[in-house]
Amino acid sequence: MNTSDSADARPDESVIAREPLTHVPPSKAILHAFERLDVDLVGNDERLADLVDPDALDELVETADESVRFSATLWGHPVVVTTGAVHVFDADFR
């Protein structure tokens, strides 16, 4: 988990999907973002639960103050989850 501001240092143009956390928990927002990118989640061998504990992620983000940042690589893409949104970055972004 990344709790520093370094997650904010990624350029906006490298974000290929952004899903706000206004009406859905973070785990659902991650799935929505990847669905918008046409990633086949149904046919994929890896489920979200295989990559990260969805319940723990939801609880962490929903109960945290605004400084929390969770970052991971999911389905080949860097992902940053903040208390406001899920940001999916281009797979080639470093």
C-alpha atoms as a PDB file:
ATOM      1  CA  MET A   1       0.000   0.000   0.000  1.00  0.00           C
ATOM      2  CA  ASN A   2       1.270   3.425  -0.896  1.00  0.00           C
ATOM      3  CA  THR A   3       0.239   6.123   1.551  1.00  0.00           C
ATOM      4  CA  SER A   4       2.470   8.878   0.209  1.00  0.00           C
ATOM      5  CA  ASP A   5       1.648  11.610  -2.261  1.00  0.00           C
ATOM      6  CA  SER A   6       3.832   9.947  -4.901  1.00  0.00           C
ATOM      7  CA  ALA A   7       0.710   8.333  -6.395  1.00  0.00           C
ATOM      8  CA  ASP A   8      -0.411  11.827  -7.371  1.00  0.00           C
ATOM      9  CA  ALA A   9       2.788  12.349  -9.352  1.00  0.00           C
ATOM     10  CA  ARG A  10       1.541  10.245 -12.270  1.00  0.00           C
ATOM     11  CA  PRO A  11       0.645  12.422 -15.258  1.00  0.00           C
ATOM     12  CA  ASP A  12      -3.075  12.675 -16.068  1.00  0.00           C
ATOM     13  CA  GLU A  13      -2.478  11.725 -19.698  1.00  0.00           C
ATOM     14  CA  SER A  14      -1.334   8.258 -18.591  1.00  0.00           C
ATOM     15  CA  VAL A  15      -4.713   7.584 -16.937  1.00  0.00           C
ATOM     16  CA  ILE A  16      -6.772   5.477 -19.323  1.00  0.00           C
ATOM     17  CA  ALA A  17      -9.768   4.969 -17.020  1.00  0.00           C
ATOM     18  CA  ARG A  18     -11.040   6.868 -13.994  1.00  0.00           C
ATOM     19  CA  GLU A  19     -13.979   5.677 -11.936  1.00  0.00           C
ATOM     20  CA  PRO A  20     -15.264   7.936  -9.131  1.00  0.00           C
ATOM     21  CA  LEU A  21     -16.203   6.365  -5.810  1.00  0.00           C
ATOM     22  CA  THR A  22     -19.451   8.279  -5.435  1.00  0.00           C
ATOM     23  CA  HIS A  23     -21.971   5.422  -5.400  1.00  0.00           C
ATOM     24  CA  VAL A  24     -19.938   2.223  -5.443  1.00  0.00           C
ATOM     25  CA  PRO A  25     -17.262   0.673  -3.229  1.00  0.00           C
ATOM     26  CA  PRO A  26     -13.672   0.640  -4.519  1.00  0.00           C
ATOM     27  CA  SER A  27     -13.763  -3.036  -5.507  1.00  0.00           C
ATOM     28  CA  LYS A  28     -16.795  -2.474  -7.754  1.00  0.00           C
ATOM     29  CA  ALA A  29     -15.261   0.719  -9.180  1.00  0.00           C
ATOM     30  CA  ILE A  30     -12.150  -1.262 -10.179  1.00  0.00           C
ATOM     31  CA  LEU A  31     -14.336  -3.765 -12.034  1.00  0.00           C
ATOM     32  CA  HIS A  32     -16.305  -0.959 -13.727  1.00  0.00           C
ATOM     33  CA  ALA A  33     -13.089   0.745 -14.857  1.00  0.00           C
ATOM     34  CA  PHE A  34     -11.708  -2.451 -16.403  1.00  0.00           C
ATOM     35  CA  GLU A  35     -15.046  -3.235 -18.053  1.00  0.00           C
ATOM     36  CA  ARG A  36     -14.911   0.221 -19.700  1.00  0.00           C
ATOM     37  CA  LEU A  37     -11.483  -0.756 -21.037  1.00  0.00           C
ATOM     38  CA  ASP A  38     -13.004  -3.897 -22.574  1.00  0.00           C
ATOM     39  CA  VAL A  39     -10.927  -6.206 -20.387  1.00  0.00           C
ATOM     40  CA  ASP A  40     -12.635  -9.615 -20.430  1.00  0.00           C
ATOM     41  CA  LEU A  41     -13.102 -10.162 -16.715  1.00  0.00           C
ATOM     42  CA  VAL A  42     -15.457 -13.122 -17.164  1.00  0.00           C
ATOM     43  CA  GLY A  43     -13.058 -15.089 -19.347  1.00  0.00           C
ATOM     44  CA  ASN A  44      -9.981 -14.034 -17.382  1.00  0.00           C
ATOM     45  CA  ASP A  45      -8.372 -16.676 -15.182  1.00  0.00           C
ATOM     46  CA  GLU A  46      -7.603 -14.076 -12.509  1.00  0.00           C
ATOM     47  CA  ARG A  47     -10.504 -12.689 -10.517  1.00  0.00           C
ATOM     48  CA  LEU A  48     -10.195  -9.516  -8.459  1.00  0.00           C
ATOM     49  CA  ALA A  49     -10.280 -11.652  -5.308  1.00  0.00           C
ATOM     50  CA  ASP A  50      -7.204 -13.509  -6.600  1.00  0.00           C
ATOM     51  CA  LEU A  51      -5.289 -10.223  -6.828  1.00  0.00           C
ATOM     52  CA  VAL A  52      -6.495  -8.256  -3.800  1.00  0.00           C
ATOM     53  CA  ASP A  53      -8.928  -8.801  -0.917  1.00  0.00           C
ATOM     54  CA  PRO A  54     -11.955  -6.768  -2.112  1.00  0.00           C
ATOM     55  CA  ASP A  55     -13.578  -6.539   1.335  1.00  0.00           C
ATOM     56  CA  ALA A  56     -10.361  -5.329   2.973  1.00  0.00           C
ATOM     57  CA  LEU A  57      -9.792  -2.785   0.182  1.00  0.00           C
ATOM     58  CA  ASP A  58     -13.357  -1.481   0.489  1.00  0.00           C
ATOM     59  CA  GLU A  59     -13.061  -1.145   4.259  1.00  0.00           C
ATOM     60  CA  LEU A  60      -9.630   0.502   4.055  1.00  0.00           C
ATOM     61  CA  VAL A  61     -10.704   3.164   1.570  1.00  0.00           C
ATOM     62  CA  GLU A  62     -14.185   3.768   2.975  1.00  0.00           C
ATOM     63  CA  THR A  63     -12.934   4.296   6.540  1.00  0.00           C
ATOM     64  CA  ALA A  64      -9.701   6.153   5.740  1.00  0.00           C
ATOM     65  CA  ASP A  65      -8.887   9.808   5.740  1.00  0.00           C
ATOM     66  CA  GLU A  66      -8.080  11.462   2.415  1.00  0.00           C
ATOM     67  CA  SER A  67      -4.346  10.696   2.571  1.00  0.00           C
ATOM     68  CA  VAL A  68      -4.683   6.971   1.829  1.00  0.00           C
ATOM     69  CA  ARG A  69      -3.518   5.668  -1.533  1.00  0.00           C
ATOM     70  CA  PHE A  70      -3.600   2.006  -2.530  1.00  0.00           C
ATOM     71  CA  SER A  71      -1.559   0.994  -5.554  1.00  0.00           C
ATOM     72  CA  ALA A  72      -1.220  -2.334  -7.298  1.00  0.00           C
ATOM     73  CA  THR A  73      -0.853  -3.852 -10.733  1.00  0.00           C
ATOM     74  CA  LEU A  74      -4.130  -5.468 -11.759  1.00  0.00           C
ATOM     75  CA  TRP A  75      -4.576  -7.320 -15.047  1.00  0.00           C
ATOM     76  CA  GLY A  76      -1.332  -5.811 -16.325  1.00  0.00           C
ATOM     77  CA  HIS A  77      -2.204  -2.177 -15.506  1.00  0.00           C
ATOM     78  CA  PRO A  78      -0.949   0.048 -12.700  1.00  0.00           C
ATOM     79  CA  VAL A  79      -3.948   1.041 -10.547  1.00  0.00           C
ATOM     80  CA  VAL A  80      -4.185   3.700  -7.852  1.00  0.00           C
ATOM     81  CA  VAL A  81      -7.194   3.829  -5.548  1.00  0.00           C
ATOM     82  CA  THR A  82      -7.762   6.963  -3.489  1.00  0.00           C
ATOM     83  CA  THR A  83     -10.703   7.909  -1.308  1.00  0.00           C
ATOM     84  CA  GLY A  84     -12.213   9.680  -4.324  1.00  0.00           C
ATOM     85  CA  ALA A  85     -11.591   7.484  -7.365  1.00  0.00           C
ATOM     86  CA  VAL A  86      -9.966   4.511  -9.044  1.00  0.00           C
ATOM     87  CA  HIS A  87      -7.304   5.455 -11.605  1.00  0.00           C
ATOM     88  CA  VAL A  88      -6.158   2.865 -14.150  1.00  0.00           C
ATOM     89  CA  PHE A  89      -2.974   3.673 -16.042  1.00  0.00           C
ATOM     90  CA  ASP A  90      -1.673   2.538 -19.404  1.00  0.00           C
ATOM     91  CA  ALA A  91       0.063  -0.823 -19.105  1.00  0.00           C
ATOM     92  CA  ASP A  92       3.248   0.685 -20.559  1.00  0.00           C
ATOM     93  CA  PHE A  93       3.326   3.579 -18.083  1.00  0.00           C
ATOM     94  CA  ARG A  94       6.261   3.432 -15.681  1.00  0.00           C
END
